[in-house]
Amino acid sequence: MSVLLVLAEQAASPVCTTPTECAGQGVDTFLGTPERVWASVAALVALGGVVIGWPALRSARRGGGRRGAVVALVAGVIGGLNGAVKLAVADGGLGTGNGVFGAALALALGLAGAVLGRLALARSRRVELSG
């Protein structure tokens, strides 16, 4: 079971699924369905991989960035895989509350983060071998 799925299930209890249900619970704002929360968290993790991978790729040219490259690679893979799983289990399309857009975004950002992390890791190894 995915860590993000467990987090989404944990967050599902205070998250209301409809605006009417929110009003019944005394919550002022509608946060979204648990599926949207899962997809959003996966997209944020994948975005973290891209945000960390870009500077790691730049610093790999100077011999650093190995730790950032590994973090970007792992975050990209985790976010992308969760996005792919969410897309696979989604019952409806866009606008149905199943998190399809967030999952697709997580898949794309996860792929980008993993590629940036892998490139930075390869460059940092190349600099170590030649240096």
Protein backbone atom coordinates (compact mmCIF):
# COMPACT_ATOMS: atom_id res chain seq x y z
CA MET A 1 0.00 0.00 0.00
CA SER A 2 1.34 3.40 -0.95
CA VAL A 3 2.36 5.93 1.66
CA LEU A 4 0.33 8.58 -0.15
CA LEU A 5 -2.73 6.33 -0.14
CA VAL A 6 -2.41 5.88 3.62
CA LEU A 7 -2.04 9.64 4.05
CA ALA A 8 -5.07 10.26 1.85
CA GLU A 9 -7.11 7.78 3.89
CA GLN A 10 -5.98 9.43 7.13
CA ALA A 11 -6.91 12.83 5.76
CA ALA A 12 -10.24 11.47 4.49
CA SER A 13 -11.94 11.60 7.87
CA PRO A 14 -11.92 15.41 8.28
CA VAL A 15 -12.37 16.01 4.55
CA CYS A 16 -16.00 16.36 3.53
CA THR A 17 -17.01 15.11 0.10
CA THR A 18 -19.76 17.58 -0.71
CA PRO A 19 -20.48 21.19 0.24
CA THR A 20 -23.68 20.04 2.00
CA GLU A 21 -21.72 17.58 4.10
CA CYS A 22 -19.26 20.35 4.97
CA ALA A 23 -22.10 22.52 6.22
CA GLY A 24 -23.37 19.60 8.32
CA GLN A 25 -19.93 19.18 9.92
CA GLY A 26 -19.55 22.87 10.63
CA VAL A 27 -16.67 23.24 8.18
CA ASP A 28 -16.65 26.53 6.31
CA THR A 29 -14.80 25.43 3.18
CA PHE A 30 -15.06 22.44 0.87
CA LEU A 31 -11.60 20.88 0.59
CA GLY A 32 -12.39 18.17 -1.93
CA THR A 33 -12.76 14.44 -2.11
CA PRO A 34 -10.17 12.01 -0.72
CA GLU A 35 -9.30 11.08 -4.31
CA ARG A 36 -8.46 14.70 -5.07
CA VAL A 37 -6.40 14.95 -1.91
CA TRP A 38 -4.40 11.83 -2.93
CA ALA A 39 -3.80 13.22 -6.42
CA SER A 40 -2.85 16.64 -5.05
CA VAL A 41 -0.35 15.20 -2.58
CA ALA A 42 1.16 13.06 -5.35
CA ALA A 43 1.45 16.14 -7.58
CA LEU A 44 3.12 18.11 -4.77
CA VAL A 45 5.64 15.31 -4.15
CA ALA A 46 6.40 15.16 -7.88
CA LEU A 47 6.72 18.95 -8.01
CA GLY A 48 9.20 18.70 -5.15
CA GLY A 49 11.25 16.33 -7.29
CA VAL A 50 11.36 18.90 -10.10
CA VAL A 51 12.14 21.78 -7.75
CA ILE A 52 15.00 19.85 -6.11
CA GLY A 53 16.21 18.27 -9.36
CA TRP A 54 16.77 21.50 -11.27
CA PRO A 55 19.36 23.00 -8.88
CA ALA A 56 20.91 19.55 -8.41
CA LEU A 57 21.40 19.32 -12.16
CA ARG A 58 23.03 22.73 -12.23
CA SER A 59 25.32 22.01 -9.28
CA ALA A 60 26.29 18.58 -10.66
CA ARG A 61 28.39 20.37 -13.26
CA ARG A 62 30.55 21.73 -10.44
CA GLY A 63 30.89 18.39 -8.68
CA GLY A 64 28.03 18.69 -6.18
CA GLY A 65 24.33 17.95 -6.11
CA ARG A 66 24.52 14.20 -5.56
CA ARG A 67 22.17 14.20 -2.56
CA GLY A 68 19.71 16.49 -4.35
CA ALA A 69 19.84 14.24 -7.41
CA VAL A 70 18.91 11.19 -5.35
CA VAL A 71 16.09 13.05 -3.59
CA ALA A 72 14.75 14.36 -6.91
CA LEU A 73 14.89 10.89 -8.44
CA VAL A 74 13.07 9.27 -5.52
CA ALA A 75 10.46 12.03 -5.21
CA GLY A 76 9.82 11.97 -8.96
CA VAL A 77 9.35 8.21 -9.00
CA ILE A 78 7.07 8.21 -5.94
CA GLY A 79 4.92 11.08 -7.22
CA GLY A 80 4.77 9.70 -10.76
CA LEU A 81 3.86 6.18 -9.67
CA ASN A 82 1.12 7.46 -7.39
CA GLY A 83 -0.20 9.58 -10.26
CA ALA A 84 -0.21 6.57 -12.56
CA VAL A 85 -1.99 4.41 -9.98
CA LYS A 86 -4.55 7.15 -9.33
CA LEU A 87 -5.20 7.46 -13.07
CA ALA A 88 -5.62 3.71 -13.33
CA VAL A 89 -8.21 3.49 -10.55
CA ALA A 90 -10.15 6.68 -11.35
CA ASP A 91 -13.80 5.96 -12.13
CA GLY A 92 -14.63 9.11 -14.07
CA GLY A 93 -13.11 11.90 -16.06
CA LEU A 94 -12.31 15.50 -15.34
CA GLY A 95 -14.65 17.25 -12.94
CA THR A 96 -15.98 14.10 -11.28
CA GLY A 97 -14.00 14.50 -8.06
CA ASN A 98 -11.73 11.54 -8.77
CA GLY A 99 -8.51 13.55 -8.99
CA VAL A 100 -7.84 12.82 -12.65
CA PHE A 101 -6.21 16.17 -13.40
CA GLY A 102 -4.01 16.05 -10.30
CA ALA A 103 -3.00 12.49 -11.10
CA ALA A 104 -2.07 13.39 -14.68
CA LEU A 105 -0.11 16.37 -13.39
CA ALA A 106 1.64 14.12 -10.85
CA LEU A 107 2.54 11.66 -13.60
CA ALA A 108 4.03 14.37 -15.83
CA LEU A 109 5.88 16.15 -13.02
CA GLY A 110 7.08 12.83 -11.61
CA LEU A 111 8.55 11.87 -14.95
CA ALA A 112 10.27 15.26 -15.20
CA GLY A 113 11.62 15.02 -11.64
CA ALA A 114 12.91 11.50 -12.19
CA VAL A 115 14.63 12.50 -15.43
CA LEU A 116 16.22 15.58 -13.82
CA GLY A 117 17.38 13.49 -10.86
CA ARG A 118 18.83 10.79 -13.10
CA LEU A 119 20.65 13.33 -15.27
CA ALA A 120 22.08 15.09 -12.21
CA LEU A 121 23.17 11.76 -10.76
CA ALA A 122 24.90 10.79 -14.00
CA ARG A 123 26.66 14.16 -14.22
CA SER A 124 27.82 14.02 -10.63
CA ARG A 125 29.28 10.54 -11.22
CA ARG A 126 31.01 11.74 -14.37
CA VAL A 127 32.59 14.64 -12.49
CA GLU A 128 33.74 12.28 -9.69
CA LEU A 129 35.36 9.90 -12.18
CA SER A 130 37.15 12.62 -14.12
CA GLY A 131 38.04 14.77 -11.09
